[in-house]
Amino acid sequence: MLRSMFSGVSGLRSHQTMMDVVGNNIANVNTAGYKSSGVVFADTMSQLTKAAGAPTTANGGTNPSQVGLGVRVQAITQNMTQGSAQATGKSTDLMLQGDGMFAVQSGDGVFYTRNGSFTLDANGSIVTNDGAYVMGWKPDATGKVNTNSQIDKLVIPSDTVMPAQITKTGTITGNLDNTLNAGALRSVPTSFKAYDDQGNLTTVYLRFDNQQDPAVTGGTVAKSNTWNVSWSTDPTFPTGKTLVAGSINFAGVSGGADGSKAVFTPAAASATAGPITVDGKPVALDFAGLTGFVGTTGSSSVQGKSDGSPIGTLVSYSFGTDGVITGSYSNGYKQTLGQVAVASFNNSAGLRKEGNSLYSVSTNSGAPVYGIAGENGRGGLLAGSLEMSNVDLSAEFTNLILAQRGFQANSKVITSSDELLQDLVNLKR
């Protein structure tokens, strides 16, 4: 009877633990990144009341007789399956779609979490709601990220400035139609912007003047397939401030003059650097996209654009599915600001819970291996969303009933054992 009472006590303790685990799962049903836990029971040692008997020629074998001594909690397991996505619209809210953990630094320790509710602090560092730094890789001086380097705190400073990019090439596209304009040779203007290394802007104006056919003499105006190219920093092309850049002739793909290919002959000696200079720096001219087809109305449409940019300030940033943080600048250019690291483990269920949705490495989790989101089995990154808990309320309510009934049944064992003991005490001689 005492044995059954102690078995009932062990059942009470085990089902109380089950109730604690189920209650904690239900309490965290809306905790971002929470992973539910489950209880696994196992029986304890059994008392052998009769040993097993080996079979003989006269009698068959007999099984041992054993009385169990109760139940114990063998393990509390973690369910690391994916939780559902909840869109938040917040750019710093991140979610991993698959395996992996975010790495965060709190104090001198590095922890891991599935809760991607991040924000920025006063220094522009990406942090958790408790102030732990989100870890990843920073770009080098050229803007490239080395994912084989040591991870560090990720920072998006609002005062980030992109240096000016000097203009090296002016690109001209469109079509030059040499049809006579009211009996006169055509003249077509265009322009492009050029920046020096300080970001100062200079507008370069180009003018295409159709040459007269040298085979025609006298005062007759006759168009040719060649255009003179002049440039100036003044849109009126005044005398003394207008320079000859060179000439363009249109040759066909088979060597004829069908207008499909622009051949530029620079006036300067160097065809590579180009004849145009802005603040002493050469600017090459690219006419590969320029054609010279002839129409019936004499319509020309020429556009100019260039590389280079002024100084830019950070306007916005975004996270890619691979964790790359891209900054958009006021000058229209983009630049990599860093990349979020994703840690993977051989046994993520072996991680130790530290509270605040954080995990730490245990002896059975394996060491973290940092890599890129979406590669080598790691989940891809989804910005503007959070991973919700993977708690299944229907299963938890069922487990709640099982824990309650199990506790109730074991308490009945104790009360029944107590009544038997009372009957034993009340026996008379």
Protein backbone atom coordinates (compact mmCIF):
# COMPACT_ATOMS: atom_id res chain seq x y z
CA MET A 1 0.00 0.00 0.00
CA LEU A 2 2.82 2.36 0.77
CA ARG A 3 4.33 1.44 -2.58
CA SER A 4 1.13 2.38 -4.39
CA MET A 5 0.95 5.61 -2.44
CA PHE A 6 4.47 6.60 -3.46
CA SER A 7 3.63 5.66 -7.06
CA GLY A 8 0.68 8.01 -6.85
CA VAL A 9 2.93 10.75 -5.47
CA SER A 10 5.32 10.33 -8.41
CA GLY A 11 2.34 10.54 -10.75
CA LEU A 12 1.22 13.77 -9.10
CA ARG A 13 4.67 15.29 -9.48
CA SER A 14 5.02 14.23 -13.12
CA HIS A 15 1.58 15.46 -14.13
CA GLN A 16 2.19 18.69 -12.27
CA THR A 17 5.30 19.14 -14.45
CA MET A 18 3.19 18.40 -17.51
CA MET A 19 0.69 21.02 -16.37
CA ASP A 20 3.54 23.53 -15.95
CA VAL A 21 4.82 22.89 -19.47
CA VAL A 22 1.35 23.08 -21.03
CA GLY A 23 0.56 26.24 -19.09
CA ASN A 24 3.80 27.84 -20.28
CA ASN A 25 3.01 26.93 -23.89
CA ILE A 26 -0.44 28.49 -23.65
CA ALA A 27 0.97 31.59 -21.94
CA ASN A 28 3.40 32.09 -24.87
CA VAL A 29 0.89 31.48 -27.64
CA ASN A 30 1.46 35.04 -28.93
CA THR A 31 5.20 35.28 -28.21
CA ALA A 32 7.12 35.93 -31.43
CA GLY A 33 9.51 33.11 -32.28
CA TYR A 34 8.46 30.95 -29.31
CA LYS A 35 8.97 27.20 -29.68
CA SER A 36 6.60 24.96 -27.74
CA SER A 37 7.73 22.19 -25.40
CA GLY A 38 6.38 18.71 -24.73
CA VAL A 39 6.69 16.25 -21.83
CA VAL A 40 7.82 12.65 -22.25
CA PHE A 41 7.05 10.26 -19.35
CA ALA A 42 8.91 7.07 -18.44
CA ASP A 43 8.36 4.50 -15.72
CA THR A 44 10.83 4.29 -12.87
CA MET A 45 12.60 1.19 -11.54
CA SER A 46 10.49 -1.90 -10.85
CA GLN A 47 10.71 -4.26 -7.89
CA LEU A 48 11.24 -7.87 -8.91
CA THR A 49 8.89 -10.13 -6.97
CA LYS A 50 9.50 -13.26 -9.02
CA ALA A 51 12.41 -14.01 -11.30
CA ALA A 52 11.99 -15.33 -14.79
CA GLY A 53 12.13 -19.08 -15.28
CA ALA A 54 13.98 -20.75 -18.15
CA PRO A 55 12.13 -23.37 -20.18
CA THR A 56 13.00 -27.02 -19.54
CA THR A 57 12.03 -30.30 -21.12
CA ALA A 58 9.37 -30.71 -18.50
CA ASN A 59 7.98 -27.17 -18.24
CA GLY A 60 7.93 -24.03 -20.32
CA GLY A 61 9.59 -20.79 -19.24
CA THR A 62 7.91 -18.23 -16.99
CA ASN A 63 8.11 -14.44 -17.16
CA PRO A 64 9.34 -12.33 -14.28
CA SER A 65 6.86 -10.66 -11.97
CA GLN A 66 7.62 -6.97 -11.40
CA VAL A 67 5.89 -4.16 -9.59
CA GLY A 68 6.62 -0.65 -10.84
CA LEU A 69 7.58 2.09 -8.45
CA GLY A 70 5.96 5.01 -10.26
CA VAL A 71 6.56 7.43 -13.11
CA ARG A 72 9.09 10.15 -13.88
CA VAL A 73 9.56 12.91 -16.45
CA GLN A 74 12.09 11.45 -18.88
CA ALA A 75 12.47 14.59 -21.04
CA ILE A 76 11.00 17.98 -21.81
CA THR A 77 11.49 18.31 -25.55
CA GLN A 78 11.44 21.41 -27.75
CA ASN A 79 9.40 21.59 -30.92
CA MET A 80 11.55 23.62 -33.36
CA THR A 81 9.13 23.56 -36.30
CA GLN A 82 8.28 26.74 -38.23
CA GLY A 83 5.74 29.18 -36.84
CA SER A 84 3.29 31.15 -38.97
CA ALA A 85 4.13 34.58 -40.41
CA GLN A 86 2.56 37.81 -39.22
CA ALA A 87 3.03 40.90 -41.38
CA THR A 88 3.94 44.00 -39.38
CA GLY A 89 5.09 46.43 -42.08
CA LYS A 90 8.04 47.47 -39.89
CA SER A 91 11.23 47.41 -41.93
CA THR A 92 13.41 46.13 -39.06
CA ASP A 93 11.11 43.21 -38.21
CA LEU A 94 12.74 40.08 -39.63
CA MET A 95 11.60 36.50 -39.97
CA LEU A 96 13.49 33.35 -40.92
CA GLN A 97 11.57 31.06 -43.25
CA GLY A 98 13.27 27.79 -42.37
CA ASP A 99 16.12 26.67 -40.13
CA GLY A 100 18.56 28.97 -38.38
CA MET A 101 18.82 31.55 -35.63
CA PHE A 102 19.63 35.23 -35.39
CA ALA A 103 22.81 35.90 -33.43
CA VAL A 104 22.67 38.71 -30.84
CA GLN A 105 25.25 40.00 -28.37
CA SER A 106 24.28 40.93 -24.84
CA GLY A 107 27.16 41.94 -22.59
CA ASP A 108 30.10 39.67 -23.36
CA GLY A 109 27.95 36.74 -24.49
CA VAL A 110 26.45 35.78 -27.83
CA PHE A 111 22.93 34.36 -27.77
CA TYR A 112 20.51 33.12 -30.41
CA THR A 113 16.87 33.85 -31.09
CA ARG A 114 14.01 33.31 -33.52
CA ASN A 115 12.33 36.52 -32.38
CA GLY A 116 13.16 39.03 -35.12
CA SER A 117 11.49 42.05 -33.53
CA PHE A 118 14.40 44.48 -33.96
CA THR A 119 14.80 48.23 -33.90
CA LEU A 120 17.53 50.89 -34.08
CA ASP A 121 19.14 52.62 -31.09
CA ALA A 122 20.54 56.16 -30.88
CA ASN A 123 23.78 55.08 -32.59
CA GLY A 124 22.01 53.36 -35.46
CA SER A 125 22.81 49.87 -34.14
CA ILE A 126 20.27 47.15 -34.89
CA VAL A 127 19.13 45.83 -31.50
CA THR A 128 16.49 43.62 -29.92
CA ASN A 129 13.78 45.12 -27.73
CA ASP A 130 16.02 44.34 -24.74
CA GLY A 131 19.01 46.14 -26.26
CA ALA A 132 21.02 43.12 -27.45
CA TYR A 133 23.05 43.86 -30.61
CA VAL A 134 22.14 41.98 -33.79
CA MET A 135 25.23 40.43 -35.34
CA GLY A 136 26.35 40.14 -38.95
CA TRP A 137 29.06 41.26 -41.35
CA LYS A 138 30.06 44.84 -42.14
CA PRO A 139 31.17 45.93 -45.63
CA ASP A 140 34.77 46.83 -46.36
CA ALA A 141 35.96 50.12 -47.88
CA THR A 142 34.84 48.98 -51.34
CA GLY A 143 31.32 48.16 -50.12
CA LYS A 144 31.77 44.37 -50.35
CA VAL A 145 30.83 41.96 -47.55
CA ASN A 146 33.12 39.09 -46.60
CA THR A 147 30.91 36.42 -45.03
CA ASN A 148 33.99 34.43 -44.01
CA SER A 149 35.12 37.16 -41.63
CA GLN A 150 34.27 37.59 -37.94
CA ILE A 151 30.71 38.68 -37.20
CA ASP A 152 30.21 42.10 -35.62
CA LYS A 153 27.46 44.48 -34.51
CA LEU A 154 25.37 45.77 -37.40
CA VAL A 155 24.98 49.55 -37.62
CA ILE A 156 22.86 51.74 -39.93
CA PRO A 157 23.91 55.30 -39.03
CA SER A 158 21.51 57.94 -40.27
CA ASP A 159 24.38 60.32 -41.06
CA THR A 160 25.93 57.94 -43.59
CA VAL A 161 27.21 59.86 -46.62
CA MET A 162 28.06 58.35 -49.99
CA PRO A 163 31.08 60.12 -51.56
CA ALA A 164 30.66 61.80 -54.92
CA GLN A 165 31.35 59.65 -57.96
CA ILE A 166 33.32 61.36 -60.72
CA THR A 167 31.79 61.28 -64.21
CA LYS A 168 33.87 59.24 -66.62
CA THR A 169 31.51 58.60 -69.54
CA GLY A 170 28.74 60.49 -71.29
CA THR A 171 26.34 58.19 -73.15
CA ILE A 172 24.36 59.47 -76.14
CA THR A 173 21.38 57.55 -77.49
CA GLY A 174 18.65 58.25 -80.02
CA ASN A 175 18.53 58.98 -83.75
CA LEU A 176 20.00 61.72 -85.95
CA ASP A 177 17.92 62.34 -89.09
CA ASN A 178 19.81 64.35 -91.75
CA THR A 179 16.65 65.30 -93.67
CA LEU A 180 16.90 68.96 -94.68
CA ASN A 181 15.12 71.38 -92.38
CA ALA A 182 13.40 74.05 -94.54
CA GLY A 183 16.23 73.71 -97.03
CA ALA A 184 18.93 74.08 -94.36
CA LEU A 185 21.23 71.52 -92.73
CA ARG A 186 19.99 70.11 -89.44
CA SER A 187 21.42 71.03 -86.03
CA VAL A 188 20.44 68.85 -83.01
CA PRO A 189 21.34 69.71 -79.35
CA THR A 190 21.43 67.54 -76.22
CA SER A 191 23.21 67.53 -72.84
CA PHE A 192 24.33 65.42 -69.90
CA LYS A 193 25.43 66.07 -66.32
CA ALA A 194 29.03 65.68 -65.17
CA TYR A 195 30.31 65.61 -61.57
CA ASP A 196 33.82 66.13 -60.21
CA ASP A 197 35.28 64.34 -57.20
CA GLN A 198 33.74 66.94 -54.89
CA GLY A 199 30.27 66.44 -56.29
CA ASN A 200 30.19 69.75 -58.15
CA LEU A 201 27.86 69.68 -61.13
CA THR A 202 28.76 70.79 -64.65
CA THR A 203 26.25 70.46 -67.48
CA VAL A 204 27.89 69.49 -70.75
CA TYR A 205 25.99 70.59 -73.87
CA LEU A 206 26.49 68.78 -77.16
CA ARG A 207 25.44 69.94 -80.64
CA PHE A 208 25.29 67.77 -83.74
CA ASP A 209 25.59 69.75 -87.02
CA ASN A 210 24.99 67.93 -90.29
CA GLN A 211 27.84 68.57 -92.76
CA GLN A 212 27.28 69.69 -96.37
CA ASP A 213 28.14 67.14 -99.00
CA PRO A 214 31.62 68.21 -100.23
CA ALA A 215 30.80 66.87 -103.71
CA VAL A 216 28.21 69.64 -104.21
CA THR A 217 29.64 73.00 -105.23
CA GLY A 218 28.19 76.44 -105.33
CA GLY A 219 25.46 77.64 -103.04
CA THR A 220 23.40 74.46 -103.10
CA VAL A 221 22.72 72.91 -99.67
CA ALA A 222 23.20 69.18 -99.81
CA LYS A 223 23.03 66.90 -96.78
CA SER A 224 25.66 64.27 -96.04
CA ASN A 225 25.87 61.29 -93.69
CA THR A 226 28.43 63.00 -91.44
CA TRP A 227 27.77 65.16 -88.37
CA ASN A 228 30.14 67.53 -86.60
CA VAL A 229 30.02 67.25 -82.79
CA SER A 230 30.62 70.41 -80.75
CA TRP A 231 30.50 70.83 -76.98
CA SER A 232 30.26 73.66 -74.49
CA THR A 233 29.32 74.38 -70.89
CA ASP A 234 27.08 77.20 -72.17
CA PRO A 235 23.75 76.14 -73.75
CA THR A 236 24.01 79.01 -76.27
CA PHE A 237 27.28 77.61 -77.67
CA PRO A 238 28.97 81.07 -77.82
CA THR A 239 32.09 81.69 -79.84
CA GLY A 240 35.20 81.11 -77.78
CA LYS A 241 33.47 78.73 -75.40
CA THR A 242 32.46 76.11 -77.98
CA LEU A 243 34.93 73.34 -78.83
CA VAL A 244 34.92 70.69 -81.53
CA ALA A 245 34.66 67.18 -80.09
CA GLY A 246 34.89 65.33 -83.38
CA SER A 247 32.65 63.95 -86.10
CA ILE A 248 30.20 61.09 -86.54
CA ASN A 249 29.57 59.05 -89.64
CA PHE A 250 26.94 56.33 -89.83
CA ALA A 251 27.97 53.02 -91.33
CA GLY A 252 25.80 49.96 -91.81
CA VAL A 253 26.45 46.47 -90.57
CA SER A 254 27.77 45.49 -93.99
CA GLY A 255 29.84 48.62 -94.45
CA GLY A 256 27.13 50.66 -96.19
CA ALA A 257 25.59 53.87 -94.90
CA ASP A 258 22.25 52.54 -93.64
CA GLY A 259 22.43 54.49 -90.37
CA SER A 260 22.63 51.52 -88.02
CA LYS A 261 26.06 52.21 -86.52
CA ALA A 262 27.68 55.47 -85.37
CA VAL A 263 31.41 55.76 -86.01
CA PHE A 264 32.93 58.57 -83.95
CA THR A 265 36.20 60.21 -84.93
CA PRO A 266 37.42 62.37 -82.05
CA ALA A 267 39.12 65.66 -82.68
CA ALA A 268 41.55 64.93 -79.85
CA ALA A 269 44.47 62.59 -80.28
CA SER A 270 43.19 60.07 -77.72
CA ALA A 271 40.05 58.26 -78.74
CA THR A 272 39.96 56.37 -75.42
CA ALA A 273 39.81 59.34 -73.07
CA GLY A 274 37.65 61.40 -75.36
CA PRO A 275 37.96 65.01 -76.35
CA ILE A 276 35.87 66.44 -73.47
CA THR A 277 37.35 67.52 -70.14
CA VAL A 278 35.47 68.69 -67.05
CA ASP A 279 37.57 70.40 -64.39
CA GLY A 280 40.65 68.93 -66.02
CA LYS A 281 39.34 65.33 -65.98
CA PRO A 282 38.59 63.58 -69.31
CA VAL A 283 35.05 62.42 -70.06
CA ALA A 284 34.67 59.73 -72.71
CA LEU A 285 31.79 59.80 -75.18
CA ASP A 286 29.78 56.67 -75.95
CA PHE A 287 27.76 56.78 -79.19
CA ALA A 288 27.03 53.05 -79.43
CA GLY A 289 23.32 53.65 -78.95
CA LEU A 290 23.09 56.41 -81.56
CA THR A 291 21.62 55.77 -85.01
CA GLY A 292 21.29 57.83 -88.20
CA PHE A 293 18.19 56.53 -89.92
CA VAL A 294 16.44 58.93 -92.30
CA GLY A 295 12.72 59.60 -92.07
CA THR A 296 10.25 61.55 -94.15
CA THR A 297 9.69 64.40 -91.68
CA GLY A 298 13.23 65.00 -90.52
CA SER A 299 12.64 63.98 -86.90
CA SER A 300 15.65 63.65 -84.60
CA SER A 301 15.49 62.57 -80.97
CA VAL A 302 18.75 62.47 -79.01
CA GLN A 303 19.19 61.97 -75.25
CA GLY A 304 22.27 62.26 -73.07
CA LYS A 305 23.06 60.62 -69.74
CA SER A 306 26.21 59.92 -67.73
CA ASP A 307 27.68 58.03 -64.85
CA GLY A 308 28.88 59.74 -61.70
CA SER A 309 26.84 61.31 -58.94
CA PRO A 310 26.89 64.06 -56.32
CA ILE A 311 27.33 63.41 -52.61
CA GLY A 312 24.40 61.35 -51.30
CA THR A 313 22.80 61.04 -47.88
CA LEU A 314 21.00 57.95 -46.63
CA VAL A 315 17.27 58.12 -47.39
CA SER A 316 16.08 54.58 -46.65
CA TYR A 317 17.28 51.00 -46.23
CA SER A 318 15.91 47.54 -46.86
CA PHE A 319 16.70 43.90 -46.04
CA GLY A 320 17.06 41.33 -48.80
CA THR A 321 16.11 37.66 -48.54
CA ASP A 322 19.83 36.89 -48.16
CA GLY A 323 20.13 39.30 -45.21
CA VAL A 324 21.95 42.02 -47.18
CA ILE A 325 21.10 45.52 -45.92
CA THR A 326 20.94 47.95 -48.84
CA GLY A 327 20.90 51.71 -48.31
CA SER A 328 19.23 54.05 -50.81
CA TYR A 329 20.81 57.51 -51.10
CA SER A 330 19.57 60.90 -52.18
CA ASN A 331 21.78 60.80 -55.28
CA GLY A 332 19.86 57.82 -56.65
CA TYR A 333 22.56 55.25 -55.89
CA LYS A 334 22.46 52.27 -53.55
CA GLN A 335 25.15 50.84 -51.28
CA THR A 336 25.51 47.74 -49.10
CA LEU A 337 25.44 48.60 -45.39
CA GLY A 338 25.93 45.10 -43.99
CA GLN A 339 24.52 41.58 -43.95
CA VAL A 340 22.64 39.73 -41.22
CA ALA A 341 24.31 36.49 -40.12
CA VAL A 342 22.26 33.33 -39.61
CA ALA A 343 23.54 30.67 -37.19
CA SER A 344 22.79 26.99 -37.74
CA PHE A 345 23.24 24.09 -35.30
CA ASN A 346 23.47 20.33 -35.67
CA ASN A 347 20.85 20.01 -32.93
CA SER A 348 18.90 23.23 -32.44
CA ALA A 349 16.53 21.44 -30.03
CA GLY A 350 19.54 21.03 -27.74
CA LEU A 351 19.90 24.78 -27.19
CA ARG A 352 19.37 26.07 -23.67
CA LYS A 353 16.58 28.60 -23.03
CA GLU A 354 17.83 31.76 -21.33
CA GLY A 355 14.59 33.76 -21.18
CA ASN A 356 13.69 36.86 -23.20
CA SER A 357 13.33 34.55 -26.25
CA LEU A 358 17.08 33.88 -26.17
CA TYR A 359 18.96 30.59 -26.42
CA SER A 360 22.55 29.71 -25.57
CA VAL A 361 24.83 26.92 -26.73
CA SER A 362 24.74 23.69 -24.72
CA THR A 363 26.98 20.64 -24.81
CA ASN A 364 24.42 18.85 -27.01
CA SER A 365 23.46 21.61 -29.44
CA GLY A 366 26.73 21.76 -31.33
CA ALA A 367 28.72 24.88 -32.11
CA PRO A 368 27.08 27.63 -34.20
CA VAL A 369 27.99 27.83 -37.88
CA TYR A 370 27.38 31.29 -39.35
CA GLY A 371 26.27 31.65 -42.92
CA ILE A 372 24.04 33.45 -45.41
CA ALA A 373 20.25 33.31 -45.17
CA GLY A 374 18.77 31.03 -47.80
CA GLU A 375 21.96 29.02 -48.33
CA ASN A 376 23.16 25.61 -47.10
CA GLY A 377 19.87 24.71 -45.43
CA ARG A 378 19.35 28.04 -43.70
CA GLY A 379 16.02 29.80 -44.00
CA GLY A 380 15.55 32.86 -46.16
CA LEU A 381 14.91 36.26 -44.61
CA LEU A 382 11.52 37.98 -44.82
CA ALA A 383 11.49 41.65 -43.81
CA GLY A 384 8.42 43.37 -42.44
CA SER A 385 7.14 40.18 -40.80
CA LEU A 386 7.56 38.25 -37.55
CA GLU A 387 7.45 34.52 -36.89
CA MET A 388 4.69 33.71 -34.42
CA SER A 389 4.84 30.88 -31.90
CA ASN A 390 4.29 27.32 -33.09
CA VAL A 391 1.94 26.55 -30.20
CA ASP A 392 -1.05 24.46 -31.33
CA LEU A 393 -3.87 25.51 -28.98
CA SER A 394 -6.07 22.53 -29.84
CA ALA A 395 -3.26 20.14 -28.89
CA GLU A 396 -2.42 22.13 -25.76
CA PHE A 397 -6.02 22.10 -24.53
CA THR A 398 -6.09 18.35 -25.08
CA ASN A 399 -2.85 17.99 -23.12
CA LEU A 400 -4.39 20.19 -20.43
CA ILE A 401 -7.25 17.71 -20.03
CA LEU A 402 -4.82 14.78 -19.99
CA ALA A 403 -2.68 16.44 -17.33
CA GLN A 404 -5.71 17.25 -15.21
CA ARG A 405 -7.17 13.75 -15.47
CA GLY A 406 -3.79 12.16 -14.85
CA PHE A 407 -3.31 14.28 -11.75
CA GLN A 408 -6.84 13.47 -10.60
CA ALA A 409 -6.37 9.72 -11.10
CA ASN A 410 -3.07 9.67 -9.21
CA SER A 411 -4.61 11.59 -6.32
CA LYS A 412 -7.31 8.89 -6.25
CA VAL A 413 -4.59 6.26 -5.89
CA ILE A 414 -3.28 8.10 -2.81
CA THR A 415 -6.72 8.45 -1.21
CA SER A 416 -7.53 4.82 -1.92
CA SER A 417 -4.22 3.71 -0.39
CA ASP A 418 -5.00 5.90 2.63
CA GLU A 419 -8.40 4.22 3.06
CA LEU A 420 -6.79 0.78 2.92
CA LEU A 421 -4.29 1.81 5.58
CA GLN A 422 -7.15 3.11 7.72
CA ASP A 423 -8.98 -0.20 7.37
CA LEU A 424 -5.77 -1.97 8.39
CA VAL A 425 -5.42 0.19 11.50
CA ASN A 426 -9.05 -0.44 12.44
CA LEU A 427 -8.66 -4.23 12.39
CA LYS A 428 -9.37 -5.84 15.82
CA ARG A 429 -7.92 -8.94 17.27
